[in-house]
Amino acid sequence: MILRYKLFNLPIYRRSYDKYDQDAKKDIEKNMKILESSWNKCYKSIPEHIRIEEENRYEWPPWEFNDIIGFVDIGMDSHDRLTGDIFLMRQFLPKNHPKNRYRKYHSTLEKRQVYFFRELTPHKVEWHNNHSYIIGINQLIEEATNITKGLSKTKKHKWVLQKISFSLDCIDFVKVASDIHPNFPNNDFI
């Protein structure tokens, strides 16, 4: 089914924040050793302006925006069910995906393009029951988490679907659905 009314999307990360931080520290340490060997001095003995320049040169960009490899869109389909779609950058699509099947080499830009990967299982919701939306959304997030974990088993890093940092109970999904869905049934039909 096609996702017609999007509620929100969640990013899929190539690795967890902790793993990203570990990798950044290893890279910075490696660059510090190179600097030490080129100066024949320990890092703290190198002039401060050189150290600052090197630290700024090798600073890693923020994880939250730079380690994203895809997204999970969650919303309503044309049959008024909660559903979701997974989108991945081309370089993270499975090798047998149609976008990769006939071309072996892609430019850097093409590798970063995001394509539809697959749909999540639709869930029927009770129109005026916020709890049924929350249950459906949690099931979609769990399914997407399992799919991304399965895809990343063959990869160097464990992919991570962004967790929602607050309780879904604080959102009135009935109101949200009525705002985005032009044919949302009003109370006269209940």
N, C-alpha and C. Protein backbone atom coordinates (compact mmCIF):
# COMPACT_ATOMS: atom_id res chain seq x y z
N MET A 1 0.83 -1.18 0.00
CA MET A 1 0.00 0.00 0.00
C MET A 1 0.88 1.25 0.00
N ILE A 2 0.30 2.30 -0.46
CA ILE A 2 1.02 3.57 -0.51
C ILE A 2 0.69 4.37 0.74
N LEU A 3 1.71 4.90 1.35
CA LEU A 3 1.55 5.78 2.51
C LEU A 3 1.00 7.11 2.01
N ARG A 4 -0.22 7.44 2.40
CA ARG A 4 -0.85 8.67 1.89
C ARG A 4 -0.73 9.84 2.85
N TYR A 5 -0.86 9.57 4.14
CA TYR A 5 -0.88 10.64 5.14
C TYR A 5 0.22 10.37 6.16
N LYS A 6 1.32 11.07 6.01
CA LYS A 6 2.47 10.82 6.89
C LYS A 6 2.27 11.47 8.25
N LEU A 7 2.51 10.67 9.32
CA LEU A 7 2.49 11.19 10.68
C LEU A 7 3.87 11.71 11.07
N PHE A 8 4.90 10.88 10.86
CA PHE A 8 6.27 11.28 11.19
C PHE A 8 7.23 10.28 10.56
N ASN A 9 8.52 10.60 10.62
CA ASN A 9 9.53 9.64 10.19
C ASN A 9 10.62 9.55 11.24
N LEU A 10 11.30 8.42 11.23
CA LEU A 10 12.40 8.16 12.16
C LEU A 10 13.65 7.86 11.35
N PRO A 11 14.78 8.44 11.70
CA PRO A 11 16.01 8.12 10.98
C PRO A 11 16.57 6.75 11.35
N ILE A 12 17.24 6.13 10.39
CA ILE A 12 17.98 4.90 10.63
C ILE A 12 19.45 5.29 10.56
N TYR A 13 20.19 4.94 11.60
CA TYR A 13 21.60 5.29 11.68
C TYR A 13 22.48 4.09 11.35
N ARG A 14 23.63 4.38 10.77
CA ARG A 14 24.59 3.35 10.40
C ARG A 14 25.17 2.64 11.61
N ARG A 15 25.24 3.36 12.73
CA ARG A 15 25.77 2.81 13.97
C ARG A 15 25.22 3.64 15.12
N SER A 16 25.36 3.12 16.31
CA SER A 16 24.87 3.83 17.50
C SER A 16 25.75 5.05 17.76
N TYR A 17 25.23 5.96 18.58
CA TYR A 17 26.01 7.14 18.94
C TYR A 17 27.29 6.73 19.65
N ASP A 18 27.21 5.76 20.56
CA ASP A 18 28.40 5.32 21.30
C ASP A 18 29.47 4.77 20.36
N LYS A 19 29.05 3.97 19.36
CA LYS A 19 30.01 3.42 18.40
C LYS A 19 30.61 4.54 17.54
N TYR A 20 29.79 5.50 17.14
CA TYR A 20 30.26 6.65 16.37
C TYR A 20 31.32 7.41 17.17
N ASP A 21 31.03 7.63 18.46
CA ASP A 21 31.94 8.35 19.34
C ASP A 21 33.26 7.59 19.49
N GLN A 22 33.18 6.27 19.64
CA GLN A 22 34.40 5.44 19.74
C GLN A 22 35.23 5.55 18.46
N ASP A 23 34.56 5.45 17.32
CA ASP A 23 35.27 5.54 16.03
C ASP A 23 35.91 6.91 15.85
N ALA A 24 35.21 7.96 16.27
CA ALA A 24 35.76 9.32 16.16
C ALA A 24 37.00 9.45 17.03
N LYS A 25 36.94 8.94 18.26
CA LYS A 25 38.09 9.03 19.16
C LYS A 25 39.29 8.26 18.61
N LYS A 26 39.05 7.08 18.03
CA LYS A 26 40.14 6.29 17.43
C LYS A 26 40.78 7.07 16.29
N ASP A 27 39.94 7.69 15.46
CA ASP A 27 40.45 8.44 14.32
C ASP A 27 41.26 9.65 14.79
N ILE A 28 40.77 10.33 15.80
CA ILE A 28 41.48 11.51 16.33
C ILE A 28 42.81 11.08 16.95
N GLU A 29 42.80 9.96 17.69
CA GLU A 29 44.05 9.45 18.28
C GLU A 29 45.07 9.09 17.20
N LYS A 30 44.58 8.47 16.13
CA LYS A 30 45.47 8.12 15.01
C LYS A 30 46.11 9.38 14.42
N ASN A 31 45.31 10.42 14.23
CA ASN A 31 45.83 11.68 13.68
C ASN A 31 46.78 12.37 14.65
N MET A 32 46.52 12.23 15.96
CA MET A 32 47.44 12.80 16.95
C MET A 32 48.79 12.10 16.88
N LYS A 33 48.79 10.79 16.69
CA LYS A 33 50.05 10.04 16.59
C LYS A 33 50.84 10.44 15.35
N ILE A 34 50.12 10.68 14.26
CA ILE A 34 50.79 11.14 13.04
C ILE A 34 51.44 12.50 13.28
N LEU A 35 50.70 13.37 13.97
CA LEU A 35 51.24 14.70 14.28
C LEU A 35 52.46 14.58 15.20
N GLU A 36 52.37 13.72 16.21
CA GLU A 36 53.50 13.52 17.12
C GLU A 36 54.73 13.03 16.37
N SER A 37 54.52 12.08 15.46
CA SER A 37 55.68 11.54 14.72
C SER A 37 56.27 12.57 13.77
N SER A 38 55.43 13.42 13.17
CA SER A 38 55.97 14.44 12.26
C SER A 38 56.72 15.54 13.02
N TRP A 39 56.35 15.79 14.28
CA TRP A 39 57.02 16.80 15.09
C TRP A 39 58.10 16.19 15.98
N ASN A 40 58.14 14.89 16.08
CA ASN A 40 59.07 14.19 16.98
C ASN A 40 58.91 14.65 18.42
N LYS A 41 57.69 14.91 18.82
CA LYS A 41 57.40 15.36 20.18
C LYS A 41 56.10 14.70 20.63
N CYS A 42 55.92 14.65 21.96
CA CYS A 42 54.63 14.17 22.45
C CYS A 42 53.59 15.26 22.16
N TYR A 43 52.35 14.85 22.10
CA TYR A 43 51.28 15.75 21.66
C TYR A 43 51.23 17.05 22.47
N LYS A 44 51.36 16.95 23.77
CA LYS A 44 51.24 18.14 24.63
C LYS A 44 52.41 19.11 24.45
N SER A 45 53.55 18.66 23.89
CA SER A 45 54.69 19.55 23.67
C SER A 45 54.62 20.30 22.35
N ILE A 46 53.71 19.90 21.50
CA ILE A 46 53.54 20.58 20.20
C ILE A 46 52.90 21.94 20.48
N PRO A 47 53.30 22.99 19.77
CA PRO A 47 52.74 24.32 20.01
C PRO A 47 51.19 24.31 19.96
N GLU A 48 50.63 25.07 20.86
CA GLU A 48 49.17 25.05 21.03
C GLU A 48 48.41 25.40 19.75
N HIS A 49 48.88 26.40 19.01
CA HIS A 49 48.16 26.80 17.79
C HIS A 49 48.15 25.67 16.75
N ILE A 50 49.20 24.86 16.71
CA ILE A 50 49.26 23.71 15.79
C ILE A 50 48.27 22.63 16.25
N ARG A 51 48.25 22.38 17.55
CA ARG A 51 47.31 21.38 18.09
C ARG A 51 45.86 21.78 17.81
N ILE A 52 45.53 23.04 18.04
CA ILE A 52 44.16 23.51 17.82
C ILE A 52 43.78 23.39 16.35
N GLU A 53 44.73 23.77 15.48
CA GLU A 53 44.47 23.67 14.04
C GLU A 53 44.21 22.21 13.64
N GLU A 54 45.02 21.30 14.16
CA GLU A 54 44.85 19.88 13.85
C GLU A 54 43.54 19.32 14.42
N GLU A 55 43.21 19.71 15.65
CA GLU A 55 41.95 19.24 16.25
C GLU A 55 40.75 19.72 15.45
N ASN A 56 40.79 20.96 14.97
CA ASN A 56 39.69 21.48 14.17
C ASN A 56 39.61 20.79 12.81
N ARG A 57 40.74 20.44 12.26
CA ARG A 57 40.77 19.78 10.95
C ARG A 57 40.16 18.38 11.02
N TYR A 58 40.39 17.69 12.13
CA TYR A 58 39.94 16.30 12.23
C TYR A 58 38.69 16.12 13.09
N GLU A 59 38.00 17.21 13.37
CA GLU A 59 36.76 17.09 14.15
C GLU A 59 35.71 16.37 13.31
N TRP A 60 35.03 15.42 13.92
CA TRP A 60 33.98 14.69 13.22
C TRP A 60 32.68 15.48 13.26
N PRO A 61 31.88 15.42 12.20
CA PRO A 61 30.61 16.14 12.19
C PRO A 61 29.60 15.48 13.14
N PRO A 62 28.52 16.18 13.50
CA PRO A 62 27.55 15.62 14.45
C PRO A 62 26.93 14.31 13.95
N TRP A 63 26.87 13.33 14.82
CA TRP A 63 26.30 12.01 14.51
C TRP A 63 24.86 12.11 14.05
N GLU A 64 24.08 12.92 14.75
CA GLU A 64 22.64 12.96 14.53
C GLU A 64 22.26 13.24 13.07
N PHE A 65 23.07 14.00 12.36
CA PHE A 65 22.73 14.37 10.98
C PHE A 65 23.63 13.71 9.94
N ASN A 66 24.77 13.18 10.34
CA ASN A 66 25.75 12.71 9.37
C ASN A 66 25.92 11.21 9.30
N ASP A 67 25.25 10.46 10.15
CA ASP A 67 25.38 9.01 10.10
C ASP A 67 24.05 8.35 9.69
N ILE A 68 23.14 9.14 9.15
CA ILE A 68 21.84 8.62 8.72
C ILE A 68 22.01 7.86 7.41
N ILE A 69 21.42 6.66 7.36
CA ILE A 69 21.48 5.86 6.12
C ILE A 69 20.10 5.62 5.54
N GLY A 70 19.06 6.05 6.24
CA GLY A 70 17.71 5.86 5.74
C GLY A 70 16.68 6.40 6.72
N PHE A 71 15.42 6.12 6.39
CA PHE A 71 14.32 6.61 7.20
C PHE A 71 13.20 5.59 7.23
N VAL A 72 12.40 5.65 8.28
CA VAL A 72 11.14 4.92 8.35
C VAL A 72 10.04 5.97 8.42
N ASP A 73 9.17 5.98 7.40
CA ASP A 73 8.01 6.87 7.40
C ASP A 73 6.84 6.12 8.01
N ILE A 74 6.11 6.75 8.91
CA ILE A 74 4.94 6.13 9.53
C ILE A 74 3.75 7.04 9.30
N GLY A 75 2.63 6.43 8.87
CA GLY A 75 1.43 7.21 8.60
C GLY A 75 0.26 6.31 8.27
N MET A 76 -0.68 6.86 7.51
CA MET A 76 -1.91 6.14 7.14
C MET A 76 -1.88 5.84 5.65
N ASP A 77 -2.42 4.66 5.29
CA ASP A 77 -2.54 4.34 3.87
C ASP A 77 -3.93 4.70 3.36
N SER A 78 -4.22 4.35 2.12
CA SER A 78 -5.51 4.72 1.53
C SER A 78 -6.67 3.89 2.08
N HIS A 79 -6.37 2.84 2.83
CA HIS A 79 -7.41 2.02 3.47
C HIS A 79 -7.55 2.36 4.95
N ASP A 80 -7.03 3.52 5.34
CA ASP A 80 -7.15 4.03 6.71
C ASP A 80 -6.52 3.10 7.75
N ARG A 81 -5.39 2.54 7.39
CA ARG A 81 -4.62 1.71 8.32
C ARG A 81 -3.30 2.42 8.59
N LEU A 82 -2.74 2.16 9.77
CA LEU A 82 -1.39 2.64 10.06
C LEU A 82 -0.42 1.75 9.30
N THR A 83 0.56 2.35 8.67
CA THR A 83 1.56 1.57 7.96
C THR A 83 2.86 2.37 7.93
N GLY A 84 3.86 1.79 7.36
CA GLY A 84 5.13 2.48 7.26
C GLY A 84 5.93 2.00 6.07
N ASP A 85 6.87 2.82 5.66
CA ASP A 85 7.77 2.48 4.55
C ASP A 85 9.20 2.70 5.03
N ILE A 86 10.08 1.81 4.57
CA ILE A 86 11.50 1.95 4.87
C ILE A 86 12.20 2.46 3.62
N PHE A 87 12.99 3.50 3.78
CA PHE A 87 13.80 4.06 2.70
C PHE A 87 15.27 3.97 3.11
N LEU A 88 16.13 3.58 2.16
CA LEU A 88 17.56 3.46 2.44
C LEU A 88 18.36 4.15 1.35
N MET A 89 19.54 4.63 1.73
CA MET A 89 20.47 5.14 0.72
C MET A 89 20.89 3.98 -0.17
N ARG A 90 21.12 4.28 -1.44
CA ARG A 90 21.45 3.23 -2.40
C ARG A 90 22.59 2.34 -1.93
N GLN A 91 23.63 2.92 -1.35
CA GLN A 91 24.79 2.12 -0.96
C GLN A 91 24.45 1.14 0.16
N PHE A 92 23.32 1.31 0.85
CA PHE A 92 22.93 0.40 1.92
C PHE A 92 21.80 -0.54 1.52
N LEU A 93 21.31 -0.40 0.30
CA LEU A 93 20.31 -1.34 -0.20
C LEU A 93 20.97 -2.70 -0.43
N PRO A 94 20.23 -3.79 -0.25
CA PRO A 94 20.82 -5.10 -0.55
C PRO A 94 21.27 -5.16 -2.01
N LYS A 95 22.29 -5.96 -2.27
CA LYS A 95 22.86 -6.03 -3.63
C LYS A 95 21.85 -6.46 -4.68
N ASN A 96 20.84 -7.25 -4.29
CA ASN A 96 19.85 -7.73 -5.25
C ASN A 96 18.67 -6.78 -5.43
N HIS A 97 18.70 -5.61 -4.79
CA HIS A 97 17.62 -4.63 -4.94
C HIS A 97 17.64 -4.10 -6.38
N PRO A 98 16.46 -3.86 -6.98
CA PRO A 98 16.41 -3.39 -8.38
C PRO A 98 17.27 -2.16 -8.68
N LYS A 99 17.46 -1.28 -7.73
CA LYS A 99 18.27 -0.09 -7.98
C LYS A 99 19.76 -0.43 -8.07
N ASN A 100 20.16 -1.59 -7.61
CA ASN A 100 21.57 -1.99 -7.66
C ASN A 100 21.83 -3.13 -8.63
N ARG A 101 20.81 -3.76 -9.09
CA ARG A 101 20.96 -5.00 -9.84
C ARG A 101 21.79 -4.86 -11.11
N TYR A 102 21.58 -3.81 -11.88
CA TYR A 102 22.21 -3.71 -13.20
C TYR A 102 23.42 -2.80 -13.27
N ARG A 103 23.70 -2.10 -12.18
CA ARG A 103 24.84 -1.18 -12.19
C ARG A 103 25.76 -1.52 -11.04
N LYS A 104 27.01 -1.73 -11.36
CA LYS A 104 27.97 -2.07 -10.31
C LYS A 104 28.60 -0.84 -9.69
N TYR A 105 28.74 0.22 -10.48
CA TYR A 105 29.45 1.40 -10.00
C TYR A 105 28.51 2.59 -9.96
N HIS A 106 28.60 3.34 -8.90
CA HIS A 106 27.77 4.53 -8.73
C HIS A 106 28.66 5.68 -8.27
N SER A 107 28.27 6.87 -8.68
CA SER A 107 28.99 8.05 -8.20
C SER A 107 28.70 8.24 -6.72
N THR A 108 29.46 9.08 -6.07
CA THR A 108 29.24 9.38 -4.66
C THR A 108 27.83 9.92 -4.45
N LEU A 109 27.38 10.78 -5.34
CA LEU A 109 26.04 11.34 -5.22
C LEU A 109 24.99 10.24 -5.35
N GLU A 110 25.15 9.34 -6.31
CA GLU A 110 24.17 8.26 -6.48
C GLU A 110 24.12 7.34 -5.27
N LYS A 111 25.26 7.10 -4.63
CA LYS A 111 25.27 6.25 -3.44
C LYS A 111 24.48 6.87 -2.30
N ARG A 112 24.41 8.20 -2.26
CA ARG A 112 23.72 8.90 -1.17
C ARG A 112 22.23 9.10 -1.44
N GLN A 113 21.77 8.77 -2.65
CA GLN A 113 20.35 8.93 -2.96
C GLN A 113 19.54 7.92 -2.16
N VAL A 114 18.35 8.34 -1.72
CA VAL A 114 17.50 7.51 -0.87
C VAL A 114 16.37 6.92 -1.70
N TYR A 115 16.18 5.60 -1.58
CA TYR A 115 15.17 4.88 -2.35
C TYR A 115 14.27 4.06 -1.44
N PHE A 116 13.06 3.80 -1.94
CA PHE A 116 12.13 2.93 -1.23
C PHE A 116 12.74 1.54 -1.13
N PHE A 117 12.68 0.96 0.06
CA PHE A 117 13.17 -0.40 0.27
C PHE A 117 12.03 -1.38 0.45
N ARG A 118 11.16 -1.13 1.43
CA ARG A 118 10.03 -2.03 1.62
C ARG A 118 8.98 -1.41 2.51
N GLU A 119 7.80 -2.02 2.45
CA GLU A 119 6.67 -1.56 3.26
C GLU A 119 6.58 -2.37 4.55
N LEU A 120 6.07 -1.74 5.58
CA LEU A 120 5.81 -2.44 6.83
C LEU A 120 4.37 -2.96 6.83
N THR A 121 4.07 -3.90 7.69
CA THR A 121 2.75 -4.51 7.76
C THR A 121 1.72 -3.48 8.24
N PRO A 122 0.64 -3.27 7.45
CA PRO A 122 -0.40 -2.32 7.88
C PRO A 122 -1.14 -2.81 9.12
N HIS A 123 -1.59 -1.87 9.94
CA HIS A 123 -2.35 -2.17 11.16
C HIS A 123 -3.65 -1.38 11.16
N LYS A 124 -4.75 -2.08 11.35
CA LYS A 124 -6.05 -1.42 11.44
C LYS A 124 -6.13 -0.68 12.78
N VAL A 125 -6.67 0.52 12.75
CA VAL A 125 -6.84 1.29 13.98
C VAL A 125 -8.31 1.66 14.15
N GLU A 126 -8.69 1.86 15.39
CA GLU A 126 -10.03 2.38 15.68
C GLU A 126 -9.92 3.89 15.57
N TRP A 127 -10.73 4.48 14.70
CA TRP A 127 -10.61 5.89 14.37
C TRP A 127 -10.51 6.80 15.58
N HIS A 128 -11.36 6.61 16.57
CA HIS A 128 -11.42 7.55 17.69
C HIS A 128 -10.83 6.97 18.97
N ASN A 129 -9.87 6.08 18.83
CA ASN A 129 -9.23 5.46 19.99
C ASN A 129 -7.73 5.71 19.91
N ASN A 130 -7.24 6.66 20.66
CA ASN A 130 -5.82 7.03 20.63
C ASN A 130 -4.93 5.84 20.97
N HIS A 131 -5.37 5.00 21.89
CA HIS A 131 -4.55 3.86 22.31
C HIS A 131 -4.31 2.88 21.15
N SER A 132 -5.30 2.72 20.25
CA SER A 132 -5.09 1.82 19.11
C SER A 132 -4.03 2.37 18.16
N TYR A 133 -3.92 3.70 18.04
CA TYR A 133 -2.85 4.30 17.23
C TYR A 133 -1.49 4.01 17.87
N ILE A 134 -1.42 4.17 19.18
CA ILE A 134 -0.15 3.97 19.89
C ILE A 134 0.30 2.52 19.76
N ILE A 135 -0.62 1.58 19.91
CA ILE A 135 -0.27 0.16 19.76
C ILE A 135 0.23 -0.10 18.35
N GLY A 136 -0.48 0.41 17.35
CA GLY A 136 -0.07 0.21 15.95
C GLY A 136 1.28 0.82 15.64
N ILE A 137 1.54 2.03 16.13
CA ILE A 137 2.82 2.69 15.90
C ILE A 137 3.95 1.91 16.57
N ASN A 138 3.73 1.45 17.79
CA ASN A 138 4.76 0.66 18.48
C ASN A 138 5.05 -0.64 17.73
N GLN A 139 4.02 -1.27 17.18
CA GLN A 139 4.24 -2.49 16.40
C GLN A 139 5.02 -2.20 15.12
N LEU A 140 4.72 -1.09 14.47
CA LEU A 140 5.46 -0.71 13.26
C LEU A 140 6.93 -0.42 13.59
N ILE A 141 7.17 0.28 14.69
CA ILE A 141 8.54 0.60 15.09
C ILE A 141 9.30 -0.69 15.42
N GLU A 142 8.65 -1.61 16.10
CA GLU A 142 9.29 -2.89 16.43
C GLU A 142 9.63 -3.68 15.16
N GLU A 143 8.70 -3.71 14.21
CA GLU A 143 8.94 -4.41 12.95
C GLU A 143 10.10 -3.76 12.19
N ALA A 144 10.13 -2.44 12.12
CA ALA A 144 11.20 -1.72 11.43
C ALA A 144 12.55 -1.96 12.11
N THR A 145 12.54 -2.01 13.44
CA THR A 145 13.77 -2.28 14.19
C THR A 145 14.30 -3.67 13.85
N ASN A 146 13.42 -4.65 13.80
CA ASN A 146 13.84 -6.03 13.47
C ASN A 146 14.37 -6.12 12.05
N ILE A 147 13.74 -5.43 11.12
CA ILE A 147 14.20 -5.46 9.73
C ILE A 147 15.59 -4.83 9.62
N THR A 148 15.79 -3.68 10.25
CA THR A 148 17.09 -3.01 10.14
C THR A 148 18.18 -3.82 10.84
N LYS A 149 17.83 -4.47 11.95
CA LYS A 149 18.82 -5.34 12.61
C LYS A 149 19.20 -6.49 11.70
N GLY A 150 18.21 -7.08 11.03
CA GLY A 150 18.49 -8.18 10.10
C GLY A 150 19.35 -7.75 8.94
N LEU A 151 19.10 -6.57 8.40
CA LEU A 151 19.89 -6.07 7.27
C LEU A 151 21.32 -5.79 7.67
N SER A 152 21.53 -5.35 8.90
CA SER A 152 22.88 -4.94 9.31
C SER A 152 23.74 -6.10 9.80
N LYS A 153 23.20 -7.32 9.84
CA LYS A 153 23.99 -8.46 10.32
C LYS A 153 25.24 -8.69 9.48
N THR A 154 25.15 -8.40 8.20
CA THR A 154 26.30 -8.63 7.32
C THR A 154 27.19 -7.40 7.20
N LYS A 155 26.82 -6.33 7.86
CA LYS A 155 27.57 -5.07 7.75
C LYS A 155 28.57 -4.93 8.89
N LYS A 156 29.46 -3.96 8.74
CA LYS A 156 30.49 -3.69 9.75
C LYS A 156 29.87 -3.16 11.05
N HIS A 157 28.82 -2.34 10.92
CA HIS A 157 28.20 -1.72 12.09
C HIS A 157 26.78 -2.25 12.26
N LYS A 158 26.27 -2.16 13.46
CA LYS A 158 24.88 -2.51 13.75
C LYS A 158 24.02 -1.27 13.52
N TRP A 159 23.09 -1.36 12.58
CA TRP A 159 22.22 -0.23 12.29
C TRP A 159 21.29 0.01 13.47
N VAL A 160 20.91 1.27 13.66
CA VAL A 160 20.08 1.66 14.79
C VAL A 160 18.92 2.53 14.29
N LEU A 161 17.70 2.13 14.64
CA LEU A 161 16.54 2.96 14.35
C LEU A 161 16.37 3.92 15.52
N GLN A 162 16.24 5.21 15.21
CA GLN A 162 16.11 6.23 16.26
C GLN A 162 14.94 5.90 17.18
N LYS A 163 15.19 5.93 18.46
CA LYS A 163 14.14 5.71 19.46
C LYS A 163 13.40 7.02 19.69
N ILE A 164 12.10 6.91 19.95
CA ILE A 164 11.33 8.09 20.30
C ILE A 164 11.63 8.39 21.76
N SER A 165 12.01 9.61 22.05
CA SER A 165 12.51 9.95 23.38
C SER A 165 11.42 10.37 24.37
N PHE A 166 10.16 10.16 24.00
CA PHE A 166 9.06 10.53 24.89
C PHE A 166 7.96 9.49 24.72
N SER A 167 7.02 9.51 25.62
CA SER A 167 5.89 8.58 25.55
C SER A 167 4.93 9.01 24.45
N LEU A 168 4.47 8.06 23.66
CA LEU A 168 3.51 8.39 22.60
C LEU A 168 2.16 8.79 23.18
N ASP A 169 1.93 8.49 24.46
CA ASP A 169 0.67 8.87 25.10
C ASP A 169 0.46 10.38 25.14
N CYS A 170 1.53 11.15 25.03
CA CYS A 170 1.39 12.61 25.11
C CYS A 170 0.93 13.21 23.77
N ILE A 171 0.77 12.39 22.75
CA ILE A 171 0.30 12.88 21.45
C ILE A 171 -1.12 12.38 21.22
N ASP A 172 -2.00 13.28 20.81
CA ASP A 172 -3.37 12.92 20.48
C ASP A 172 -3.40 12.54 18.99
N PHE A 173 -3.19 11.25 18.70
CA PHE A 173 -3.13 10.81 17.31
C PHE A 173 -4.49 10.89 16.63
N VAL A 174 -5.58 10.84 17.40
CA VAL A 174 -6.91 11.02 16.81
C VAL A 174 -7.00 12.42 16.22
N LYS A 175 -6.54 13.41 16.95
CA LYS A 175 -6.55 14.80 16.46
C LYS A 175 -5.59 14.96 15.28
N VAL A 176 -4.42 14.35 15.38
CA VAL A 176 -3.45 14.44 14.28
C VAL A 176 -4.04 13.81 13.02
N ALA A 177 -4.63 12.62 13.15
CA ALA A 177 -5.21 11.94 11.99
C ALA A 177 -6.34 12.76 11.38
N SER A 178 -7.15 13.39 12.23
CA SER A 178 -8.25 14.20 11.70
C SER A 178 -7.71 15.45 10.99
N ASP A 179 -6.56 15.96 11.42
CA ASP A 179 -5.98 17.13 10.76
C ASP A 179 -5.37 16.80 9.40
N ILE A 180 -4.76 15.62 9.28
CA ILE A 180 -4.07 15.30 8.02
C ILE A 180 -4.95 14.52 7.04
N HIS A 181 -6.02 13.91 7.54
CA HIS A 181 -6.86 13.06 6.70
C HIS A 181 -8.14 13.80 6.34
N PRO A 182 -8.35 14.11 5.06
CA PRO A 182 -9.51 14.92 4.69
C PRO A 182 -10.85 14.22 4.91
N ASN A 183 -10.87 12.89 4.93
CA ASN A 183 -12.12 12.15 5.08
C ASN A 183 -12.27 11.51 6.44
N PHE A 184 -11.58 12.05 7.43
CA PHE A 184 -11.66 11.50 8.78
C PHE A 184 -13.09 11.57 9.27
N PRO A 185 -13.64 10.44 9.72
CA PRO A 185 -15.05 10.47 10.12
C PRO A 185 -15.25 11.34 11.37
N ASN A 186 -16.29 12.17 11.33
CA ASN A 186 -16.56 12.98 12.51
C ASN A 186 -17.43 12.19 13.49
N ASN A 187 -17.72 12.75 14.61
CA ASN A 187 -18.46 12.04 15.65
C ASN A 187 -19.85 11.66 15.25
N ASP A 188 -20.44 12.26 14.21
CA ASP A 188 -21.79 11.93 13.76
C ASP A 188 -21.88 10.50 13.24
N PHE A 189 -20.79 9.94 12.77
CA PHE A 189 -20.80 8.60 12.19
C PHE A 189 -20.53 7.49 13.20
N ILE A 190 -20.23 7.83 14.43
CA ILE A 190 -19.88 6.81 15.43
C ILE A 190 -21.12 6.30 16.11
